N, C-alpha and C. Protein backbone atom coordinates (compact mmCIF):
# COMPACT_ATOMS: atom_id res chain seq x y z
N MET A 1 1.40 -35.11 -30.65
CA MET A 1 2.29 -36.17 -30.72
C MET A 1 2.33 -36.83 -29.39
N SER A 2 2.59 -38.22 -29.32
CA SER A 2 2.98 -38.88 -27.95
C SER A 2 3.51 -40.11 -28.24
N LEU A 3 4.55 -40.44 -27.21
CA LEU A 3 5.15 -41.63 -27.10
C LEU A 3 4.76 -42.52 -25.91
N GLU A 4 4.31 -43.51 -26.12
CA GLU A 4 4.00 -44.26 -24.74
C GLU A 4 4.81 -45.45 -24.62
N ARG A 5 5.80 -45.53 -23.74
CA ARG A 5 6.76 -46.55 -23.45
C ARG A 5 6.07 -47.55 -22.62
N LEU A 6 6.27 -48.99 -23.28
CA LEU A 6 5.48 -50.04 -22.60
C LEU A 6 6.63 -51.03 -22.29
N ASN A 7 6.69 -51.51 -20.97
CA ASN A 7 7.68 -52.33 -20.52
C ASN A 7 6.68 -53.46 -19.49
N PRO A 8 6.11 -54.49 -20.30
CA PRO A 8 5.23 -55.47 -19.46
C PRO A 8 5.86 -56.14 -18.46
N ALA A 9 5.20 -56.50 -17.48
CA ALA A 9 5.85 -57.38 -16.30
C ALA A 9 6.45 -58.81 -16.82
N ASP A 10 5.75 -59.14 -17.91
CA ASP A 10 6.02 -60.33 -18.21
C ASP A 10 7.22 -60.55 -18.83
N LEU A 11 7.96 -59.53 -19.27
CA LEU A 11 9.17 -59.61 -19.95
C LEU A 11 10.39 -59.14 -18.97
N SER A 12 11.54 -59.32 -19.07
CA SER A 12 12.55 -59.01 -18.27
C SER A 12 12.70 -57.43 -18.05
N PRO A 13 13.11 -57.04 -17.01
CA PRO A 13 13.09 -55.55 -16.74
C PRO A 13 14.08 -54.92 -17.74
N PRO A 14 13.70 -53.75 -18.30
CA PRO A 14 14.53 -53.12 -19.51
C PRO A 14 15.71 -52.36 -18.49
N THR A 15 16.83 -52.36 -19.26
CA THR A 15 17.97 -51.49 -18.62
C THR A 15 18.31 -50.54 -19.95
N GLY A 16 18.03 -49.38 -19.98
CA GLY A 16 18.58 -48.50 -20.82
C GLY A 16 17.83 -48.54 -22.27
N PHE A 17 16.65 -49.12 -22.17
CA PHE A 17 15.83 -49.27 -23.32
C PHE A 17 14.38 -49.34 -22.92
N SER A 18 13.28 -49.34 -23.78
CA SER A 18 11.97 -49.63 -23.63
C SER A 18 11.69 -50.92 -24.52
N HIS A 19 10.86 -51.69 -23.89
CA HIS A 19 10.28 -52.93 -24.86
C HIS A 19 9.56 -52.50 -26.03
N ALA A 20 8.84 -51.80 -25.82
CA ALA A 20 7.88 -51.26 -27.01
C ALA A 20 7.68 -49.70 -26.68
N VAL A 21 7.32 -49.18 -27.90
CA VAL A 21 7.12 -47.66 -27.93
C VAL A 21 5.97 -47.52 -28.98
N VAL A 22 4.94 -46.98 -28.35
CA VAL A 22 3.64 -46.60 -29.25
C VAL A 22 3.78 -45.28 -29.67
N ALA A 23 3.70 -44.85 -30.99
CA ALA A 23 4.00 -43.52 -31.33
C ALA A 23 2.76 -43.21 -31.93
N THR A 24 2.35 -41.91 -31.85
CA THR A 24 1.08 -41.15 -32.40
C THR A 24 1.86 -39.97 -32.59
N GLY A 25 1.56 -39.49 -33.82
CA GLY A 25 2.10 -38.28 -34.41
C GLY A 25 1.89 -38.00 -35.80
N SER A 26 2.47 -36.91 -36.30
CA SER A 26 1.95 -36.58 -37.62
C SER A 26 3.32 -36.50 -38.61
N ARG A 27 4.49 -36.56 -38.08
CA ARG A 27 5.66 -36.44 -38.67
C ARG A 27 6.75 -37.64 -38.25
N LEU A 28 7.28 -38.29 -39.23
CA LEU A 28 8.02 -39.36 -38.80
C LEU A 28 9.60 -38.72 -39.34
N VAL A 29 10.67 -38.91 -38.63
CA VAL A 29 11.81 -38.44 -39.09
C VAL A 29 12.87 -39.56 -38.87
N PHE A 30 13.47 -39.99 -39.97
CA PHE A 30 14.29 -41.01 -40.23
C PHE A 30 15.63 -40.58 -40.06
N LEU A 31 16.39 -41.09 -39.14
CA LEU A 31 17.83 -40.47 -38.87
C LEU A 31 18.88 -41.46 -39.50
N ALA A 32 19.63 -40.97 -40.09
CA ALA A 32 20.82 -41.72 -41.07
C ALA A 32 21.82 -42.14 -39.58
N GLY A 33 22.24 -43.44 -39.98
CA GLY A 33 23.53 -43.82 -39.22
C GLY A 33 24.53 -42.79 -38.95
N GLN A 34 25.01 -42.67 -37.74
CA GLN A 34 25.89 -41.73 -37.31
C GLN A 34 27.01 -42.25 -36.45
N THR A 35 28.22 -41.96 -36.84
CA THR A 35 29.41 -42.36 -36.12
C THR A 35 30.29 -41.16 -35.53
N ALA A 36 31.32 -41.45 -35.13
CA ALA A 36 32.10 -40.36 -34.45
C ALA A 36 33.00 -39.48 -35.43
N LEU A 37 32.06 -39.13 -36.61
CA LEU A 37 32.79 -38.17 -37.56
C LEU A 37 32.53 -36.72 -36.96
N ASP A 38 33.68 -35.78 -37.13
CA ASP A 38 33.54 -34.48 -36.98
C ASP A 38 32.91 -33.68 -38.31
N THR A 39 32.99 -32.52 -38.50
CA THR A 39 32.26 -31.67 -39.41
C THR A 39 33.18 -31.85 -40.70
N GLU A 40 34.45 -32.26 -40.44
CA GLU A 40 35.14 -32.67 -41.85
C GLU A 40 35.18 -33.97 -42.21
N GLY A 41 34.52 -34.83 -41.46
CA GLY A 41 34.45 -36.18 -41.88
C GLY A 41 35.60 -37.01 -41.31
N LYS A 42 36.03 -36.57 -40.36
CA LYS A 42 37.29 -37.47 -39.68
C LYS A 42 36.69 -38.03 -38.33
N VAL A 43 37.21 -39.18 -38.20
CA VAL A 43 36.85 -39.89 -36.87
C VAL A 43 37.78 -39.16 -35.65
N THR A 44 36.81 -38.89 -34.48
CA THR A 44 37.55 -37.86 -33.73
C THR A 44 37.84 -38.57 -32.20
N ALA A 45 37.50 -40.03 -32.17
CA ALA A 45 37.57 -40.35 -30.83
C ALA A 45 38.11 -41.83 -31.00
N THR A 46 38.93 -42.47 -29.97
CA THR A 46 39.61 -43.70 -30.22
C THR A 46 39.03 -44.78 -29.19
N THR A 47 38.26 -44.29 -28.31
CA THR A 47 37.47 -45.32 -27.33
C THR A 47 36.27 -45.66 -27.55
N LEU A 48 35.45 -46.65 -27.15
CA LEU A 48 34.21 -46.92 -27.54
C LEU A 48 33.50 -45.88 -26.69
N PRO A 49 33.49 -45.56 -25.52
CA PRO A 49 32.76 -44.41 -24.82
C PRO A 49 32.80 -43.05 -25.54
N GLU A 50 33.83 -42.60 -26.10
CA GLU A 50 34.14 -41.34 -26.73
C GLU A 50 33.41 -41.37 -28.08
N GLN A 51 33.55 -42.67 -28.91
CA GLN A 51 32.81 -42.80 -29.97
C GLN A 51 31.52 -42.88 -29.90
N PHE A 52 30.81 -43.40 -28.75
CA PHE A 52 29.41 -43.67 -28.67
C PHE A 52 28.86 -42.00 -28.36
N GLU A 53 29.64 -41.36 -27.47
CA GLU A 53 29.57 -39.96 -27.26
C GLU A 53 29.13 -39.15 -28.49
N LYS A 54 30.14 -39.34 -29.46
CA LYS A 54 30.10 -38.44 -30.53
C LYS A 54 29.08 -38.89 -31.42
N ALA A 55 28.74 -40.28 -31.79
CA ALA A 55 27.80 -40.68 -32.58
C ALA A 55 26.41 -40.20 -31.84
N LEU A 56 26.21 -40.39 -30.64
CA LEU A 56 24.93 -40.11 -30.17
C LEU A 56 24.73 -38.65 -30.29
N THR A 57 25.74 -37.63 -30.20
CA THR A 57 25.69 -36.18 -30.23
C THR A 57 25.26 -35.79 -31.77
N ASN A 58 25.83 -36.41 -32.69
CA ASN A 58 25.64 -36.42 -34.10
C ASN A 58 24.12 -36.83 -34.37
N LEU A 59 23.67 -37.95 -34.04
CA LEU A 59 22.29 -38.16 -34.16
C LEU A 59 21.39 -37.39 -33.54
N LEU A 60 21.57 -36.75 -32.21
CA LEU A 60 20.73 -35.63 -31.84
C LEU A 60 20.78 -34.45 -32.50
N THR A 61 22.04 -34.15 -33.03
CA THR A 61 21.92 -32.98 -33.91
C THR A 61 21.19 -33.00 -35.12
N ALA A 62 21.18 -34.23 -35.82
CA ALA A 62 20.42 -34.38 -37.01
C ALA A 62 18.99 -34.12 -36.44
N LEU A 63 18.45 -34.78 -35.34
CA LEU A 63 17.01 -34.78 -34.91
C LEU A 63 16.70 -33.27 -34.31
N ARG A 64 17.43 -32.61 -34.02
CA ARG A 64 17.14 -31.22 -33.44
C ARG A 64 17.09 -30.29 -34.81
N ALA A 65 17.89 -30.82 -35.89
CA ALA A 65 17.65 -29.93 -37.18
C ALA A 65 16.36 -30.27 -37.82
N ALA A 66 15.59 -31.24 -37.48
CA ALA A 66 14.14 -31.80 -38.02
C ALA A 66 13.28 -31.11 -36.95
N GLY A 67 13.71 -30.52 -35.95
CA GLY A 67 12.62 -29.84 -34.99
C GLY A 67 12.34 -30.85 -33.86
N GLY A 68 13.14 -31.99 -33.72
CA GLY A 68 12.91 -32.95 -32.74
C GLY A 68 13.96 -32.87 -31.43
N THR A 69 13.40 -33.49 -30.27
CA THR A 69 14.24 -33.55 -29.09
C THR A 69 14.41 -35.07 -28.72
N PRO A 70 15.44 -35.23 -27.83
CA PRO A 70 15.73 -36.92 -27.59
C PRO A 70 14.35 -37.47 -27.18
N ALA A 71 13.26 -36.74 -26.35
CA ALA A 71 12.10 -37.58 -26.02
C ALA A 71 11.38 -37.78 -27.24
N ASP A 72 11.50 -37.37 -28.40
CA ASP A 72 10.97 -37.79 -29.50
C ASP A 72 11.45 -39.08 -30.29
N LEU A 73 12.43 -39.75 -29.90
CA LEU A 73 13.04 -40.73 -30.23
C LEU A 73 12.02 -42.06 -29.91
N ALA A 74 11.76 -42.69 -30.91
CA ALA A 74 10.75 -43.88 -30.83
C ALA A 74 11.65 -45.17 -31.01
N ARG A 75 12.77 -45.22 -31.75
CA ARG A 75 13.69 -46.21 -32.00
C ARG A 75 15.02 -45.84 -32.31
N VAL A 76 16.03 -46.64 -31.75
CA VAL A 76 17.39 -46.26 -31.88
C VAL A 76 18.08 -47.76 -32.31
N THR A 77 18.78 -47.93 -33.30
CA THR A 77 19.72 -49.13 -33.36
C THR A 77 20.98 -48.78 -33.17
N VAL A 78 21.89 -49.72 -32.38
CA VAL A 78 23.25 -49.43 -32.25
C VAL A 78 23.98 -50.50 -32.85
N TYR A 79 24.79 -50.38 -33.80
CA TYR A 79 25.72 -51.29 -34.45
C TYR A 79 27.03 -51.07 -33.86
N ALA A 80 27.53 -52.33 -33.20
CA ALA A 80 28.68 -52.44 -32.61
C ALA A 80 29.68 -53.28 -33.18
N THR A 81 30.86 -53.00 -33.26
CA THR A 81 31.89 -54.09 -34.00
C THR A 81 32.44 -54.93 -32.84
N ASP A 82 32.08 -54.77 -31.60
CA ASP A 82 32.54 -55.55 -30.49
C ASP A 82 31.52 -55.72 -29.53
N VAL A 83 30.54 -56.46 -29.55
CA VAL A 83 29.48 -56.50 -28.66
C VAL A 83 29.73 -56.94 -27.28
N ALA A 84 30.63 -57.89 -27.12
CA ALA A 84 31.09 -58.07 -25.78
C ALA A 84 31.78 -56.81 -25.08
N ASP A 85 32.54 -55.85 -25.82
CA ASP A 85 33.07 -54.75 -25.34
C ASP A 85 31.84 -53.62 -25.16
N TYR A 86 30.94 -53.82 -25.86
CA TYR A 86 29.68 -52.75 -25.76
C TYR A 86 28.97 -53.19 -24.31
N ARG A 87 28.81 -54.41 -24.14
CA ARG A 87 28.21 -54.84 -22.92
C ARG A 87 29.09 -54.59 -21.61
N ALA A 88 30.40 -54.90 -22.04
CA ALA A 88 31.19 -54.48 -20.62
C ALA A 88 31.13 -53.16 -20.37
N GLN A 89 30.97 -52.30 -21.23
CA GLN A 89 31.06 -50.71 -21.12
C GLN A 89 29.78 -50.20 -20.75
N ALA A 90 28.91 -50.98 -20.91
CA ALA A 90 27.41 -50.37 -20.88
C ALA A 90 26.79 -49.48 -19.68
N PRO A 91 27.61 -49.74 -18.59
CA PRO A 91 27.29 -48.62 -17.60
C PRO A 91 27.85 -47.25 -17.78
N GLU A 92 28.87 -47.06 -18.46
CA GLU A 92 29.39 -45.85 -18.83
C GLU A 92 28.54 -45.38 -20.02
N LEU A 93 28.30 -46.15 -21.10
CA LEU A 93 27.57 -45.85 -22.15
C LEU A 93 26.17 -45.25 -21.83
N GLY A 94 25.55 -45.88 -20.80
CA GLY A 94 24.21 -45.51 -20.32
C GLY A 94 24.35 -44.26 -19.47
N ARG A 95 25.54 -43.91 -18.80
CA ARG A 95 25.63 -42.55 -18.02
C ARG A 95 25.86 -41.54 -19.37
N ILE A 96 26.32 -41.68 -20.31
CA ILE A 96 26.38 -40.96 -21.62
C ILE A 96 25.09 -40.54 -22.07
N TRP A 97 24.25 -41.67 -22.39
CA TRP A 97 22.94 -41.55 -22.98
C TRP A 97 22.11 -40.77 -22.15
N LYS A 98 22.31 -40.90 -20.62
CA LYS A 98 21.16 -40.13 -19.84
C LYS A 98 21.78 -38.57 -19.97
N ARG A 99 23.10 -38.25 -19.72
CA ARG A 99 23.58 -36.97 -20.00
C ARG A 99 23.14 -36.30 -21.09
N LEU A 100 23.12 -36.79 -22.45
CA LEU A 100 22.84 -36.28 -23.46
C LEU A 100 21.32 -36.45 -23.94
N ALA A 101 20.60 -37.43 -23.60
CA ALA A 101 19.17 -37.89 -24.12
C ALA A 101 18.33 -38.02 -23.04
N GLY A 102 18.67 -38.00 -21.88
CA GLY A 102 17.84 -38.32 -20.82
C GLY A 102 17.36 -39.63 -20.51
N ARG A 103 16.19 -39.70 -19.74
CA ARG A 103 15.65 -41.04 -19.35
C ARG A 103 14.71 -41.62 -20.00
N ASP A 104 14.08 -40.93 -21.13
CA ASP A 104 13.12 -41.31 -21.82
C ASP A 104 13.66 -42.37 -23.16
N TYR A 105 13.85 -43.52 -22.68
CA TYR A 105 14.22 -44.44 -23.53
C TYR A 105 13.50 -45.03 -24.78
N PRO A 106 14.01 -44.72 -25.95
CA PRO A 106 13.37 -45.52 -27.11
C PRO A 106 13.34 -47.06 -27.02
N ALA A 107 12.75 -47.71 -28.00
CA ALA A 107 12.95 -49.01 -28.31
C ALA A 107 14.34 -49.18 -28.88
N MET A 108 15.07 -50.17 -28.40
CA MET A 108 16.58 -50.19 -28.90
C MET A 108 16.95 -51.60 -29.25
N ALA A 109 17.84 -51.52 -30.18
CA ALA A 109 18.62 -52.99 -30.28
C ALA A 109 20.13 -52.55 -30.46
N VAL A 110 20.89 -53.51 -29.97
CA VAL A 110 22.43 -53.62 -30.22
C VAL A 110 22.54 -54.66 -31.15
N ILE A 111 23.25 -54.45 -32.20
CA ILE A 111 23.52 -55.65 -33.40
C ILE A 111 25.07 -55.55 -33.63
N GLY A 112 25.56 -56.65 -33.77
CA GLY A 112 26.96 -56.85 -33.94
C GLY A 112 27.38 -56.72 -35.33
N ALA A 113 28.26 -55.90 -35.58
CA ALA A 113 28.62 -55.48 -37.12
C ALA A 113 30.24 -56.18 -37.32
N VAL A 114 30.56 -56.56 -38.47
CA VAL A 114 31.80 -57.00 -38.72
C VAL A 114 32.62 -55.80 -38.77
N ARG A 115 32.17 -54.91 -39.57
CA ARG A 115 32.87 -53.48 -39.73
C ARG A 115 31.95 -52.40 -39.93
N LEU A 116 32.07 -51.03 -39.74
CA LEU A 116 31.44 -49.88 -40.17
C LEU A 116 32.17 -49.36 -41.38
N TRP A 117 31.45 -48.34 -41.96
CA TRP A 117 32.03 -47.56 -43.04
C TRP A 117 33.60 -47.24 -42.87
N ASP A 118 33.71 -46.53 -41.74
CA ASP A 118 35.19 -46.17 -41.59
C ASP A 118 35.60 -47.28 -40.69
N ASP A 119 37.07 -47.66 -40.98
CA ASP A 119 37.44 -48.73 -40.39
C ASP A 119 37.69 -48.55 -39.04
N GLU A 120 38.10 -47.39 -38.52
CA GLU A 120 38.43 -47.15 -37.07
C GLU A 120 37.09 -47.04 -36.17
N CYS A 121 35.78 -46.82 -36.96
CA CYS A 121 34.73 -46.53 -36.20
C CYS A 121 34.18 -48.05 -35.52
N MET A 122 33.84 -47.82 -34.15
CA MET A 122 33.52 -48.92 -33.44
C MET A 122 31.86 -49.03 -33.23
N VAL A 123 31.33 -47.73 -33.41
CA VAL A 123 29.92 -47.82 -32.91
C VAL A 123 29.19 -46.86 -33.97
N GLU A 124 27.88 -47.36 -34.48
CA GLU A 124 27.14 -46.36 -35.27
C GLU A 124 25.65 -46.45 -34.80
N LEU A 125 25.02 -45.42 -34.71
CA LEU A 125 23.53 -45.20 -34.18
C LEU A 125 22.69 -44.59 -35.10
N ASP A 126 21.49 -45.30 -35.57
CA ASP A 126 20.41 -44.84 -36.55
C ASP A 126 19.20 -44.87 -35.63
N GLY A 127 18.14 -44.17 -36.17
CA GLY A 127 16.81 -44.29 -35.56
C GLY A 127 15.71 -43.54 -36.19
N PHE A 128 14.78 -43.51 -35.64
CA PHE A 128 13.62 -42.72 -35.91
C PHE A 128 12.86 -42.18 -35.06
N ALA A 129 12.31 -41.02 -35.17
CA ALA A 129 11.50 -39.97 -34.03
C ALA A 129 10.17 -39.81 -34.78
N VAL A 130 9.29 -39.38 -33.83
CA VAL A 130 7.92 -39.12 -34.12
C VAL A 130 7.75 -37.94 -33.67
N LEU A 131 7.38 -36.79 -34.39
CA LEU A 131 7.13 -35.27 -34.12
C LEU A 131 5.71 -35.13 -34.42
N PRO A 132 5.30 -33.91 -33.68
CA PRO A 132 3.78 -33.35 -33.69
C PRO A 132 3.77 -32.85 -35.15
């Protein structure tokens, strides 16, 4: 399995994502949307960085259960209820990403959402990975 991250010079420099990821492998893992829920299904955080950290931790837990690692992530979509707040806190969110998932960034998008499944959730992450 391999993931080749492509960031063409003809595009703006990527910050916290890759413009394209070419995936070669034998297993695709589709990861359901994860929010800041604990094992009892309760939202555990009140700030965007705290919720982002819990949602990413949950996403990576599901990935590890499938036998993957953060470096296997090919695509992650972030759904945010306040994109302006997400942008304002991007440096802190980037530090959380690097601490939990490293510096191998998947192709990513941030999409504004009116609301998520649980009213108090501010962010949700889903994605897919390619495993050998």
